[in-house]
Amino acid sequence: MPFLRFKGFEKKILQQIAPDLVAEFSHIANVPKEIVKIELVAVEQITDHPPSLEILMFPREKETHDRLASRLHAMVSEYGYSHVHIFFILLNHSLYYKEGSPLAEIPSVKQPSCTS
């Protein structure tokens, strides 16, 4: 968690840029890199639609979501995916279960404490 689910992208390109996507997402969302998941979802299109990036995550400030969408769009645009639709599916941490138990807290990168 969080999940970045790509639809309509080439697997080779995603494999190539995945480390950078994870690093950038982790930095902006303030989550450990190890918990960022990237998936390529195979879909069979019935009607024409653009590639999409569906982001499942816990809510952040709107500015954080805006920064994530803007930066991820810029990154995939460099590989020819400038018309991608990006949207968030916001999860409620009290309804997120890990190994059958509710999640106690939202994971974040721990900032080093300052001791003088």
PDB file of N, CA and C in Angstrom:
ATOM      1  N   MET A   1       0.865  -1.153   0.000  1.00  0.00           N
ATOM      2  CA  MET A   1       0.000   0.000   0.000  1.00  0.00           C
ATOM      3  C   MET A   1       0.902   1.203   0.000  1.00  0.00           C
ATOM      4  N   PRO A   2       0.785   2.168  -0.759  1.00  0.00           N
ATOM      5  CA  PRO A   2      -0.223   2.418  -1.786  1.00  0.00           C
ATOM      6  C   PRO A   2       0.018   1.615  -3.063  1.00  0.00           C
ATOM      7  N   PHE A   3      -1.026   1.552  -3.894  1.00  0.00           N
ATOM      8  CA  PHE A   3      -0.943   0.838  -5.159  1.00  0.00           C
ATOM      9  C   PHE A   3      -1.037   1.824  -6.304  1.00  0.00           C
ATOM     10  N   LEU A   4      -0.136   1.702  -7.266  1.00  0.00           N
ATOM     11  CA  LEU A   4      -0.190   2.463  -8.511  1.00  0.00           C
ATOM     12  C   LEU A   4      -0.518   1.449  -9.588  1.00  0.00           C
ATOM     13  N   ARG A   5      -1.735   1.507 -10.104  1.00  0.00           N
ATOM     14  CA  ARG A   5      -2.215   0.527 -11.078  1.00  0.00           C
ATOM     15  C   ARG A   5      -2.315   1.169 -12.462  1.00  0.00           C
ATOM     16  N   PHE A   6      -1.487   0.687 -13.357  1.00  0.00           N
ATOM     17  CA  PHE A   6      -1.412   1.219 -14.706  1.00  0.00           C
ATOM     18  C   PHE A   6      -2.230   0.364 -15.649  1.00  0.00           C
ATOM     19  N   LYS A   7      -2.981   1.020 -16.531  1.00  0.00           N
ATOM     20  CA  LYS A   7      -3.755   0.335 -17.567  1.00  0.00           C
ATOM     21  C   LYS A   7      -3.400   0.967 -18.910  1.00  0.00           C
ATOM     22  N   GLY A   8      -3.117   0.119 -19.905  1.00  0.00           N
ATOM     23  CA  GLY A   8      -2.816   0.615 -21.240  1.00  0.00           C
ATOM     24  C   GLY A   8      -1.370   1.037 -21.438  1.00  0.00           C
ATOM     25  N   PHE A   9      -0.473   0.597 -20.567  1.00  0.00           N
ATOM     26  CA  PHE A   9       0.952   0.913 -20.658  1.00  0.00           C
ATOM     27  C   PHE A   9       1.731  -0.327 -21.100  1.00  0.00           C
ATOM     28  N   GLU A  10       2.894  -0.106 -21.680  1.00  0.00           N
ATOM     29  CA  GLU A  10       3.762  -1.214 -22.058  1.00  0.00           C
ATOM     30  C   GLU A  10       4.544  -1.680 -20.828  1.00  0.00           C
ATOM     31  N   LYS A  11       4.593  -2.982 -20.659  1.00  0.00           N
ATOM     32  CA  LYS A  11       5.263  -3.569 -19.505  1.00  0.00           C
ATOM     33  C   LYS A  11       6.737  -3.170 -19.431  1.00  0.00           C
ATOM     34  N   LYS A  12       7.438  -3.210 -20.564  1.00  0.00           N
ATOM     35  CA  LYS A  12       8.869  -2.885 -20.576  1.00  0.00           C
ATOM     36  C   LYS A  12       9.133  -1.464 -20.086  1.00  0.00           C
ATOM     37  N   ILE A  13       8.284  -0.551 -20.501  1.00  0.00           N
ATOM     38  CA  ILE A  13       8.457   0.844 -20.072  1.00  0.00           C
ATOM     39  C   ILE A  13       8.224   0.970 -18.578  1.00  0.00           C
ATOM     40  N   LEU A  14       7.173   0.352 -18.061  1.00  0.00           N
ATOM     41  CA  LEU A  14       6.905   0.417 -16.619  1.00  0.00           C
ATOM     42  C   LEU A  14       8.029  -0.211 -15.807  1.00  0.00           C
ATOM     43  N   GLN A  15       8.554  -1.331 -16.280  1.00  0.00           N
ATOM     44  CA  GLN A  15       9.668  -1.962 -15.566  1.00  0.00           C
ATOM     45  C   GLN A  15      10.881  -1.039 -15.541  1.00  0.00           C
ATOM     46  N   GLN A  16      11.093  -0.310 -16.619  1.00  0.00           N
ATOM     47  CA  GLN A  16      12.231   0.594 -16.717  1.00  0.00           C
ATOM     48  C   GLN A  16      12.093   1.791 -15.775  1.00  0.00           C
ATOM     49  N   ILE A  17      10.896   2.367 -15.688  1.00  0.00           N
ATOM     50  CA  ILE A  17      10.736   3.588 -14.893  1.00  0.00           C
ATOM     51  C   ILE A  17      10.217   3.341 -13.481  1.00  0.00           C
ATOM     52  N   ALA A  18       9.904   2.085 -13.153  1.00  0.00           N
ATOM     53  CA  ALA A  18       9.344   1.764 -11.836  1.00  0.00           C
ATOM     54  C   ALA A  18      10.191   2.291 -10.676  1.00  0.00           C
ATOM     55  N   PRO A  19      11.510   2.106 -10.668  1.00  0.00           N
ATOM     56  CA  PRO A  19      12.289   2.613  -9.521  1.00  0.00           C
ATOM     57  C   PRO A  19      12.155   4.125  -9.334  1.00  0.00           C
ATOM     58  N   ASP A  20      12.129   4.874 -10.434  1.00  0.00           N
ATOM     59  CA  ASP A  20      11.976   6.323 -10.331  1.00  0.00           C
ATOM     60  C   ASP A  20      10.564   6.709  -9.884  1.00  0.00           C
ATOM     61  N   LEU A  21       9.559   5.992 -10.385  1.00  0.00           N
ATOM     62  CA  LEU A  21       8.187   6.258  -9.963  1.00  0.00           C
ATOM     63  C   LEU A  21       8.028   6.021  -8.466  1.00  0.00           C
ATOM     64  N   VAL A  22       8.580   4.908  -7.992  1.00  0.00           N
ATOM     65  CA  VAL A  22       8.502   4.582  -6.564  1.00  0.00           C
ATOM     66  C   VAL A  22       9.203   5.652  -5.728  1.00  0.00           C
ATOM     67  N   ALA A  23      10.400   6.039  -6.143  1.00  0.00           N
ATOM     68  CA  ALA A  23      11.165   7.033  -5.384  1.00  0.00           C
ATOM     69  C   ALA A  23      10.422   8.364  -5.318  1.00  0.00           C
ATOM     70  N   GLU A  24       9.892   8.803  -6.440  1.00  0.00           N
ATOM     71  CA  GLU A  24       9.192  10.095  -6.480  1.00  0.00           C
ATOM     72  C   GLU A  24       7.897  10.040  -5.680  1.00  0.00           C
ATOM     73  N   PHE A  25       7.136   8.962  -5.844  1.00  0.00           N
ATOM     74  CA  PHE A  25       5.884   8.816  -5.098  1.00  0.00           C
ATOM     75  C   PHE A  25       6.174   8.787  -3.598  1.00  0.00           C
ATOM     76  N   SER A  26       7.146   8.009  -3.209  1.00  0.00           N
ATOM     77  CA  SER A  26       7.534   7.883  -1.807  1.00  0.00           C
ATOM     78  C   SER A  26       7.901   9.234  -1.213  1.00  0.00           C
ATOM     79  N   HIS A  27       8.680   9.996  -1.960  1.00  0.00           N
ATOM     80  CA  HIS A  27       9.122  11.306  -1.486  1.00  0.00           C
ATOM     81  C   HIS A  27       7.945  12.269  -1.294  1.00  0.00           C
ATOM     82  N   ILE A  28       7.084  12.367  -2.290  1.00  0.00           N
ATOM     83  CA  ILE A  28       5.972  13.323  -2.228  1.00  0.00           C
ATOM     84  C   ILE A  28       4.926  12.904  -1.200  1.00  0.00           C
ATOM     85  N   ALA A  29       4.601  11.606  -1.161  1.00  0.00           N
ATOM     86  CA  ALA A  29       3.554  11.121  -0.251  1.00  0.00           C
ATOM     87  C   ALA A  29       4.069  10.847   1.154  1.00  0.00           C
ATOM     88  N   ASN A  30       5.393  10.899   1.330  1.00  0.00           N
ATOM     89  CA  ASN A  30       6.011  10.649   2.633  1.00  0.00           C
ATOM     90  C   ASN A  30       5.692   9.235   3.143  1.00  0.00           C
ATOM     91  N   VAL A  31       5.928   8.268   2.268  1.00  0.00           N
ATOM     92  CA  VAL A  31       5.751   6.859   2.648  1.00  0.00           C
ATOM     93  C   VAL A  31       7.039   6.110   2.322  1.00  0.00           C
ATOM     94  N   PRO A  32       7.317   5.027   3.055  1.00  0.00           N
ATOM     95  CA  PRO A  32       8.507   4.238   2.744  1.00  0.00           C
ATOM     96  C   PRO A  32       8.432   3.648   1.332  1.00  0.00           C
ATOM     97  N   LYS A  33       9.551   3.642   0.631  1.00  0.00           N
ATOM     98  CA  LYS A  33       9.594   3.085  -0.729  1.00  0.00           C
ATOM     99  C   LYS A  33       9.121   1.638  -0.758  1.00  0.00           C
ATOM    100  N   GLU A  34       9.442   0.904   0.301  1.00  0.00           N
ATOM    101  CA  GLU A  34       9.152  -0.533   0.335  1.00  0.00           C
ATOM    102  C   GLU A  34       7.662  -0.846   0.278  1.00  0.00           C
ATOM    103  N   ILE A  35       6.811   0.108   0.596  1.00  0.00           N
ATOM    104  CA  ILE A  35       5.378  -0.208   0.600  1.00  0.00           C
ATOM    105  C   ILE A  35       4.658   0.263  -0.665  1.00  0.00           C
ATOM    106  N   VAL A  36       5.360   0.956  -1.557  1.00  0.00           N
ATOM    107  CA  VAL A  36       4.747   1.423  -2.802  1.00  0.00           C
ATOM    108  C   VAL A  36       4.706   0.255  -3.790  1.00  0.00           C
ATOM    109  N   LYS A  37       3.524  -0.071  -4.244  1.00  0.00           N
ATOM    110  CA  LYS A  37       3.327  -1.199  -5.159  1.00  0.00           C
ATOM    111  C   LYS A  37       2.952  -0.680  -6.547  1.00  0.00           C
ATOM    112  N   ILE A  38       3.581  -1.221  -7.566  1.00  0.00           N
ATOM    113  CA  ILE A  38       3.244  -0.873  -8.949  1.00  0.00           C
ATOM    114  C   ILE A  38       2.709  -2.121  -9.637  1.00  0.00           C
ATOM    115  N   GLU A  39       1.568  -1.951 -10.290  1.00  0.00           N
ATOM    116  CA  GLU A  39       0.939  -3.063 -10.995  1.00  0.00           C
ATOM    117  C   GLU A  39       0.560  -2.631 -12.411  1.00  0.00           C
ATOM    118  N   LEU A  40       0.678  -3.554 -13.329  1.00  0.00           N
ATOM    119  CA  LEU A  40       0.180  -3.363 -14.680  1.00  0.00           C
ATOM    120  C   LEU A  40      -1.062  -4.238 -14.807  1.00  0.00           C
ATOM    121  N   VAL A  41      -2.193  -3.599 -15.004  1.00  0.00           N
ATOM    122  CA  VAL A  41      -3.464  -4.314 -15.063  1.00  0.00           C
ATOM    123  C   VAL A  41      -3.818  -4.564 -16.526  1.00  0.00           C
ATOM    124  N   ALA A  42      -4.042  -5.813 -16.849  1.00  0.00           N
ATOM    125  CA  ALA A  42      -4.447  -6.177 -18.209  1.00  0.00           C
ATOM    126  C   ALA A  42      -5.949  -6.001 -18.337  1.00  0.00           C
ATOM    127  N   VAL A  43      -6.350  -5.211 -19.310  1.00  0.00           N
ATOM    128  CA  VAL A  43      -7.775  -4.992 -19.551  1.00  0.00           C
ATOM    129  C   VAL A  43      -8.073  -5.259 -21.015  1.00  0.00           C
ATOM    130  N   GLU A  44      -9.263  -5.674 -21.269  1.00  0.00           N
ATOM    131  CA  GLU A  44      -9.707  -5.831 -22.647  1.00  0.00           C
ATOM    132  C   GLU A  44     -10.664  -4.684 -22.931  1.00  0.00           C
ATOM    133  N   GLN A  45     -10.220  -3.745 -23.761  1.00  0.00           N
ATOM    134  CA  GLN A  45     -11.029  -2.567 -24.061  1.00  0.00           C
ATOM    135  C   GLN A  45     -12.211  -2.935 -24.940  1.00  0.00           C
ATOM    136  N   ILE A  46     -13.361  -2.471 -24.522  1.00  0.00           N
ATOM    137  CA  ILE A  46     -14.572  -2.634 -25.324  1.00  0.00           C
ATOM    138  C   ILE A  46     -14.824  -1.343 -26.094  1.00  0.00           C
ATOM    139  N   THR A  47     -14.612  -0.212 -25.425  1.00  0.00           N
ATOM    140  CA  THR A  47     -14.701   1.088 -26.079  1.00  0.00           C
ATOM    141  C   THR A  47     -13.335   1.753 -25.995  1.00  0.00           C
ATOM    142  N   ASP A  48     -13.113   2.736 -26.841  1.00  0.00           N
ATOM    143  CA  ASP A  48     -11.831   3.428 -26.882  1.00  0.00           C
ATOM    144  C   ASP A  48     -11.672   4.301 -25.632  1.00  0.00           C
ATOM    145  N   HIS A  49     -10.519   4.205 -24.988  1.00  0.00           N
ATOM    146  CA  HIS A  49     -10.212   5.076 -23.847  1.00  0.00           C
ATOM    147  C   HIS A  49      -8.703   5.184 -23.687  1.00  0.00           C
ATOM    148  N   PRO A  50      -8.265   6.290 -23.073  1.00  0.00           N
ATOM    149  CA  PRO A  50      -6.827   6.506 -22.933  1.00  0.00           C
ATOM    150  C   PRO A  50      -6.227   5.636 -21.835  1.00  0.00           C
ATOM    151  N   PRO A  51      -4.901   5.539 -21.805  1.00  0.00           N
ATOM    152  CA  PRO A  51      -4.247   4.842 -20.700  1.00  0.00           C
ATOM    153  C   PRO A  51      -4.602   5.539 -19.381  1.00  0.00           C
ATOM    154  N   SER A  52      -4.534   4.790 -18.288  1.00  0.00           N
ATOM    155  CA  SER A  52      -4.865   5.399 -17.003  1.00  0.00           C
ATOM    156  C   SER A  52      -3.927   4.920 -15.909  1.00  0.00           C
ATOM    157  N   LEU A  53      -3.830   5.750 -14.895  1.00  0.00           N
ATOM    158  CA  LEU A  53      -3.090   5.439 -13.675  1.00  0.00           C
ATOM    159  C   LEU A  53      -4.049   5.632 -12.516  1.00  0.00           C
ATOM    160  N   GLU A  54      -4.368   4.539 -11.872  1.00  0.00           N
ATOM    161  CA  GLU A  54      -5.291   4.508 -10.745  1.00  0.00           C
ATOM    162  C   GLU A  54      -4.431   4.381  -9.482  1.00  0.00           C
ATOM    163  N   ILE A  55      -4.570   5.321  -8.553  1.00  0.00           N
ATOM    164  CA  ILE A  55      -3.745   5.326  -7.350  1.00  0.00           C
ATOM    165  C   ILE A  55      -4.630   5.071  -6.145  1.00  0.00           C
ATOM    166  N   LEU A  56      -4.399   3.941  -5.485  1.00  0.00           N
ATOM    167  CA  LEU A  56      -5.126   3.610  -4.264  1.00  0.00           C
ATOM    168  C   LEU A  56      -4.229   3.977  -3.091  1.00  0.00           C
ATOM    169  N   MET A  57      -4.727   4.869  -2.242  1.00  0.00           N
ATOM    170  CA  MET A  57      -3.900   5.323  -1.126  1.00  0.00           C
ATOM    171  C   MET A  57      -4.784   5.937  -0.047  1.00  0.00           C
ATOM    172  N   PHE A  58      -4.179   6.197   1.096  1.00  0.00           N
ATOM    173  CA  PHE A  58      -4.872   6.903   2.151  1.00  0.00           C
ATOM    174  C   PHE A  58      -4.862   8.395   1.830  1.00  0.00           C
ATOM    175  N   PRO A  59      -5.886   9.122   2.238  1.00  0.00           N
ATOM    176  CA  PRO A  59      -5.972  10.550   1.900  1.00  0.00           C
ATOM    177  C   PRO A  59      -4.795  11.361   2.434  1.00  0.00           C
ATOM    178  N   ARG A  60      -4.441  12.363   1.664  1.00  0.00           N
ATOM    179  CA  ARG A  60      -3.444  13.370   2.038  1.00  0.00           C
ATOM    180  C   ARG A  60      -4.070  14.734   1.775  1.00  0.00           C
ATOM    181  N   GLU A  61      -3.314  15.778   2.021  1.00  0.00           N
ATOM    182  CA  GLU A  61      -3.770  17.118   1.664  1.00  0.00           C
ATOM    183  C   GLU A  61      -3.952  17.179   0.143  1.00  0.00           C
ATOM    184  N   LYS A  62      -4.910  17.985  -0.317  1.00  0.00           N
ATOM    185  CA  LYS A  62      -5.162  18.087  -1.753  1.00  0.00           C
ATOM    186  C   LYS A  62      -3.898  18.478  -2.506  1.00  0.00           C
ATOM    187  N   GLU A  63      -3.087  19.341  -1.930  1.00  0.00           N
ATOM    188  CA  GLU A  63      -1.850  19.768  -2.573  1.00  0.00           C
ATOM    189  C   GLU A  63      -0.915  18.579  -2.823  1.00  0.00           C
ATOM    190  N   THR A  64      -0.910  17.618  -1.915  1.00  0.00           N
ATOM    191  CA  THR A  64      -0.082  16.418  -2.093  1.00  0.00           C
ATOM    192  C   THR A  64      -0.596  15.594  -3.263  1.00  0.00           C
ATOM    193  N   HIS A  65      -1.909  15.419  -3.353  1.00  0.00           N
ATOM    194  CA  HIS A  65      -2.485  14.685  -4.484  1.00  0.00           C
ATOM    195  C   HIS A  65      -2.187  15.414  -5.794  1.00  0.00           C
ATOM    196  N   ASP A  66      -2.301  16.749  -5.765  1.00  0.00           N
ATOM    197  CA  ASP A  66      -2.000  17.536  -6.971  1.00  0.00           C
ATOM    198  C   ASP A  66      -0.549  17.349  -7.396  1.00  0.00           C
ATOM    199  N   ARG A  67       0.373  17.398  -6.439  1.00  0.00           N
ATOM    200  CA  ARG A  67       1.797  17.227  -6.743  1.00  0.00           C
ATOM    201  C   ARG A  67       2.071  15.832  -7.289  1.00  0.00           C
ATOM    202  N   LEU A  68       1.453  14.815  -6.686  1.00  0.00           N
ATOM    203  CA  LEU A  68       1.641  13.445  -7.164  1.00  0.00           C
ATOM    204  C   LEU A  68       1.166  13.314  -8.603  1.00  0.00           C
ATOM    205  N   ALA A  69      -0.039  13.786  -8.879  1.00  0.00           N
ATOM    206  CA  ALA A  69      -0.590  13.662 -10.240  1.00  0.00           C
ATOM    207  C   ALA A  69       0.275  14.412 -11.241  1.00  0.00           C
ATOM    208  N   SER A  70       0.690  15.616 -10.893  1.00  0.00           N
ATOM    209  CA  SER A  70       1.503  16.420 -11.802  1.00  0.00           C
ATOM    210  C   SER A  70       2.854  15.760 -12.080  1.00  0.00           C
ATOM    211  N   ARG A  71       3.516  15.315 -11.049  1.00  0.00           N
ATOM    212  CA  ARG A  71       4.858  14.726 -11.213  1.00  0.00           C
ATOM    213  C   ARG A  71       4.803  13.382 -11.942  1.00  0.00           C
ATOM    214  N   LEU A  72       3.840  12.529 -11.568  1.00  0.00           N
ATOM    215  CA  LEU A  72       3.732  11.233 -12.239  1.00  0.00           C
ATOM    216  C   LEU A  72       3.347  11.419 -13.704  1.00  0.00           C
ATOM    217  N   HIS A  73       2.477  12.387 -13.994  1.00  0.00           N
ATOM    218  CA  HIS A  73       2.121  12.670 -15.382  1.00  0.00           C
ATOM    219  C   HIS A  73       3.358  13.097 -16.170  1.00  0.00           C
ATOM    220  N   ALA A  74       4.156  13.971 -15.585  1.00  0.00           N
ATOM    221  CA  ALA A  74       5.377  14.417 -16.264  1.00  0.00           C
ATOM    222  C   ALA A  74       6.311  13.246 -16.540  1.00  0.00           C
ATOM    223  N   MET A  75       6.421  12.341 -15.590  1.00  0.00           N
ATOM    224  CA  MET A  75       7.333  11.203 -15.745  1.00  0.00           C
ATOM    225  C   MET A  75       6.877  10.266 -16.860  1.00  0.00           C
ATOM    226  N   VAL A  76       5.577   9.920 -16.903  1.00  0.00           N
ATOM    227  CA  VAL A  76       5.115   8.992 -17.946  1.00  0.00           C
ATOM    228  C   VAL A  76       5.034   9.688 -19.302  1.00  0.00           C
ATOM    229  N   SER A  77       4.874  11.018 -19.300  1.00  0.00           N
ATOM    230  CA  SER A  77       4.848  11.772 -20.558  1.00  0.00           C
ATOM    231  C   SER A  77       6.175  11.669 -21.294  1.00  0.00           C
ATOM    232  N   GLU A  78       7.253  11.550 -20.552  1.00  0.00           N
ATOM    233  CA  GLU A  78       8.574  11.403 -21.169  1.00  0.00           C
ATOM    234  C   GLU A  78       8.679  10.124 -21.993  1.00  0.00           C
ATOM    235  N   TYR A  79       7.768   9.185 -21.767  1.00  0.00           N
ATOM    236  CA  TYR A  79       7.780   7.909 -22.488  1.00  0.00           C
ATOM    237  C   TYR A  79       6.591   7.784 -23.444  1.00  0.00           C
ATOM    238  N   GLY A  80       6.002   8.927 -23.802  1.00  0.00           N
ATOM    239  CA  GLY A  80       4.939   8.926 -24.799  1.00  0.00           C
ATOM    240  C   GLY A  80       3.526   8.800 -24.251  1.00  0.00           C
ATOM    241  N   TYR A  81       3.359   8.842 -22.959  1.00  0.00           N
ATOM    242  CA  TYR A  81       2.029   8.703 -22.358  1.00  0.00           C
ATOM    243  C   TYR A  81       1.540  10.051 -21.827  1.00  0.00           C
ATOM    244  N   SER A  82       1.372  11.012 -22.734  1.00  0.00           N
ATOM    245  CA  SER A  82       0.974  12.356 -22.311  1.00  0.00           C
ATOM    246  C   SER A  82      -0.538  12.504 -22.128  1.00  0.00           C
ATOM    247  N   HIS A  83      -1.310  11.554 -22.627  1.00  0.00           N
ATOM    248  CA  HIS A  83      -2.772  11.650 -22.522  1.00  0.00           C
ATOM    249  C   HIS A  83      -3.332  10.692 -21.482  1.00  0.00           C
ATOM    250  N   VAL A  84      -2.550  10.395 -20.477  1.00  0.00           N
ATOM    251  CA  VAL A  84      -2.981   9.455 -19.433  1.00  0.00           C
ATOM    252  C   VAL A  84      -3.962  10.139 -18.470  1.00  0.00           C
ATOM    253  N   HIS A  85      -4.945   9.392 -18.041  1.00  0.00           N
ATOM    254  CA  HIS A  85      -5.870   9.863 -17.014  1.00  0.00           C
ATOM    255  C   HIS A  85      -5.366   9.328 -15.668  1.00  0.00           C
ATOM    256  N   ILE A  86      -5.247  10.218 -14.700  1.00  0.00           N
ATOM    257  CA  ILE A  86      -4.769   9.846 -13.366  1.00  0.00           C
ATOM    258  C   ILE A  86      -5.883  10.131 -12.381  1.00  0.00           C
ATOM    259  N   PHE A  87      -6.206   9.133 -11.565  1.00  0.00           N
ATOM    260  CA  PHE A  87      -7.228   9.362 -10.545  1.00  0.00           C
ATOM    261  C   PHE A  87      -6.894   8.586  -9.287  1.00  0.00           C
ATOM    262  N   PHE A  88      -7.425   9.090  -8.189  1.00  0.00           N
ATOM    263  CA  PHE A  88      -7.157   8.516  -6.869  1.00  0.00           C
ATOM    264  C   PHE A  88      -8.384   7.797  -6.348  1.00  0.00           C
ATOM    265  N   ILE A  89      -8.150   6.653  -5.759  1.00  0.00           N
ATOM    266  CA  ILE A  89      -9.170   5.962  -4.985  1.00  0.00           C
ATOM    267  C   ILE A  89      -8.674   6.034  -3.547  1.00  0.00           C
ATOM    268  N   LEU A  90      -9.374   6.838  -2.745  1.00  0.00           N
ATOM    269  CA  LEU A  90      -8.926   7.083  -1.379  1.00  0.00           C
ATOM    270  C   LEU A  90      -9.503   6.037  -0.433  1.00  0.00           C
ATOM    271  N   LEU A  91      -8.614   5.472   0.339  1.00  0.00           N
ATOM    272  CA  LEU A  91      -8.983   4.400   1.258  1.00  0.00           C
ATOM    273  C   LEU A  91      -9.119   4.935   2.679  1.00  0.00           C
ATOM    274  N   ASN A  92      -9.929   4.268   3.453  1.00  0.00           N
ATOM    275  CA  ASN A  92     -10.115   4.617   4.857  1.00  0.00           C
ATOM    276  C   ASN A  92      -9.266   3.656   5.676  1.00  0.00           C
ATOM    277  N   HIS A  93      -8.304   4.185   6.434  1.00  0.00           N
ATOM    278  CA  HIS A  93      -7.386   3.283   7.142  1.00  0.00           C
ATOM    279  C   HIS A  93      -8.111   2.405   8.160  1.00  0.00           C
ATOM    280  N   SER A  94      -9.254   2.844   8.675  1.00  0.00           N
ATOM    281  CA  SER A  94      -9.980   2.009   9.635  1.00  0.00           C
ATOM    282  C   SER A  94     -10.688   0.842   8.952  1.00  0.00           C
ATOM    283  N   LEU A  95     -10.784   0.887   7.620  1.00  0.00           N
ATOM    284  CA  LEU A  95     -11.390  -0.208   6.863  1.00  0.00           C
ATOM    285  C   LEU A  95     -10.368  -0.959   6.023  1.00  0.00           C
ATOM    286  N   TYR A  96      -9.082  -0.755   6.333  1.00  0.00           N
ATOM    287  CA  TYR A  96      -7.992  -1.449   5.649  1.00  0.00           C
ATOM    288  C   TYR A  96      -7.452  -2.503   6.606  1.00  0.00           C
ATOM    289  N   TYR A  97      -7.432  -3.741   6.167  1.00  0.00           N
ATOM    290  CA  TYR A  97      -7.034  -4.843   7.035  1.00  0.00           C
ATOM    291  C   TYR A  97      -5.765  -5.495   6.513  1.00  0.00           C
ATOM    292  N   LYS A  98      -4.822  -5.688   7.389  1.00  0.00           N
ATOM    293  CA  LYS A  98      -3.577  -6.354   7.045  1.00  0.00           C
ATOM    294  C   LYS A  98      -3.517  -7.637   7.863  1.00  0.00           C
ATOM    295  N   GLU A  99      -3.497  -8.751   7.160  1.00  0.00           N
ATOM    296  CA  GLU A  99      -3.507 -10.072   7.796  1.00  0.00           C
ATOM    297  C   GLU A  99      -4.698 -10.230   8.745  1.00  0.00           C
ATOM    298  N   GLY A 100      -5.855  -9.678   8.317  1.00  0.00           N
ATOM    299  CA  GLY A 100      -7.093  -9.831   9.071  1.00  0.00           C
ATOM    300  C   GLY A 100      -7.300  -8.844  10.200  1.00  0.00           C
ATOM    301  N   SER A 101      -6.342  -7.991  10.443  1.00  0.00           N
ATOM    302  CA  SER A 101      -6.465  -7.016  11.524  1.00  0.00           C
ATOM    303  C   SER A 101      -6.485  -5.605  10.948  1.00  0.00           C
ATOM    304  N   PRO A 102      -7.289  -4.718  11.567  1.00  0.00           N
ATOM    305  CA  PRO A 102      -7.329  -3.343  11.052  1.00  0.00           C
ATOM    306  C   PRO A 102      -5.974  -2.655  11.214  1.00  0.00           C
ATOM    307  N   LEU A 103      -5.664  -1.820  10.266  1.00  0.00           N
ATOM    308  CA  LEU A 103      -4.402  -1.078  10.281  1.00  0.00           C
ATOM    309  C   LEU A 103      -4.442  -0.081  11.436  1.00  0.00           C
ATOM    310  N   ALA A 104      -3.418  -0.097  12.272  1.00  0.00           N
ATOM    311  CA  ALA A 104      -3.379   0.765  13.455  1.00  0.00           C
ATOM    312  C   ALA A 104      -3.045   2.213  13.099  1.00  0.00           C
ATOM    313  N   GLU A 105      -2.125   2.415  12.144  1.00  0.00           N
ATOM    314  CA  GLU A 105      -1.746   3.769  11.743  1.00  0.00           C
ATOM    315  C   GLU A 105      -1.343   3.779  10.282  1.00  0.00           C
ATOM    316  N   ILE A 106      -1.400   4.956   9.693  1.00  0.00           N
ATOM    317  CA  ILE A 106      -1.010   5.114   8.300  1.00  0.00           C
ATOM    318  C   ILE A 106       0.511   5.152   8.228  1.00  0.00           C
ATOM    319  N   PRO A 107       1.136   4.287   7.435  1.00  0.00           N
ATOM    320  CA  PRO A 107       2.588   4.268   7.339  1.00  0.00           C
ATOM    321  C   PRO A 107       3.134   5.589   6.787  1.00  0.00           C
ATOM    322  N   SER A 108       4.229   6.044   7.355  1.00  0.00           N
ATOM    323  CA  SER A 108       4.907   7.239   6.846  1.00  0.00           C
ATOM    324  C   SER A 108       6.396   7.071   7.091  1.00  0.00           C
ATOM    325  N   VAL A 109       7.160   7.906   6.404  1.00  0.00           N
ATOM    326  CA  VAL A 109       8.597   7.900   6.597  1.00  0.00           C
ATOM    327  C   VAL A 109       8.864   8.600   7.928  1.00  0.00           C
ATOM    328  N   LYS A 110       9.576   7.940   8.801  1.00  0.00           N
ATOM    329  CA  LYS A 110       9.907   8.521  10.100  1.00  0.00           C
ATOM    330  C   LYS A 110      11.029   9.526   9.940  1.00  0.00           C
ATOM    331  N   GLN A 111      10.787  10.736  10.385  1.00  0.00           N
ATOM    332  CA  GLN A 111      11.806  11.779  10.337  1.00  0.00           C
ATOM    333  C   GLN A 111      12.754  11.585  11.526  1.00  0.00           C
ATOM    334  N   PRO A 112      14.066  11.732  11.312  1.00  0.00           N
ATOM    335  CA  PRO A 112      15.001  11.595  12.426  1.00  0.00           C
ATOM    336  C   PRO A 112      14.732  12.679  13.468  1.00  0.00           C
ATOM    337  N   SER A 113      14.790  12.269  14.726  1.00  0.00           N
ATOM    338  CA  SER A 113      14.543  13.232  15.794  1.00  0.00           C
ATOM    339  C   SER A 113      15.816  14.028  16.054  1.00  0.00           C
ATOM    340  N   CYS A 114      15.625  15.286  16.383  1.00  0.00           N
ATOM    341  CA  CYS A 114      16.738  16.185  16.662  1.00  0.00           C
ATOM    342  C   CYS A 114      17.018  16.177  18.155  1.00  0.00           C
ATOM    343  N   THR A 115      18.196  15.795  18.508  1.00  0.00           N
ATOM    344  CA  THR A 115      18.600  15.825  19.909  1.00  0.00           C
ATOM    345  C   THR A 115      19.812  16.726  20.037  1.00  0.00           C
ATOM    346  N   SER A 116      19.756  17.606  21.010  1.00  0.00           N
ATOM    347  CA  SER A 116      20.894  18.490  21.169  1.00  0.00           C
ATOM    348  C   SER A 116      21.612  18.196  22.450  1.00  0.00           C
TER     349      SER A 116
END
